[in-house]
C-alpha cells in the first residue's frame, strides 16, 4: 500500500510539498469596506508555516452586490487588492501558496444588510417570503447573470494580479 499524503503534488504551476491544504473558513476580519486587515495577514501567515502548503482563502466577494454580510474581504477596489497583496506576500514569504475563493451569497445574504446598502437579495429564482406577500430573494435577469459572471472573472483576474496562486469559485448558494 502506498501513502501519498506527504508526497509532493504539482497543481498548475506550483508544486505542493504535501497533499494537506487549508480549506476556506469565514473569519469576519475584513474592514467595513471589505479590505483585508493586518489581522487577516497574520492569520494566513501563521497557517503558511510549513513550506509548500496550499491555503484557500475564506469566501470573498467579487462585488458588494454579491455579498450580504459584513467584514468579508473583496476583490474590486485598489485598497482591497493592496490588502490582499500583503496577505499573499506573507504566505509566499513562508514558502507556501494561496488560492482565493470567490463567493456569492445569493439567497443566503442578509436582507437587512443588503437593504441598508440599497441592494437586492438575488438568486437564480424568485424565493417568496414565508407569508407569501413578498420575496426574500428575486430572480436575476439574464443580463444580471452575465454581469455577475463578469464580476467573478474580473475578481479572479484581480486576485491573480495581486499575487494569488489560483482561484476557486464557491458555487453553493
Foldseek 3Di string as FASTA:
>chain_A
DDDQQQPWDDDPPAIARGNDEADEDDDLAADQVQAADVVLLVVLLVVLQPARYEYEYHAEELDPLQAADGSHHYQDDPRNLLRLLSSLVSSVVNNYAYAYEHGGCALVHHQVSQVVVVHFRADCDFAADPVRPGTSHHHDDPVVVVVRVVSVVNSQVSNVVSPHPYYHYDDDD
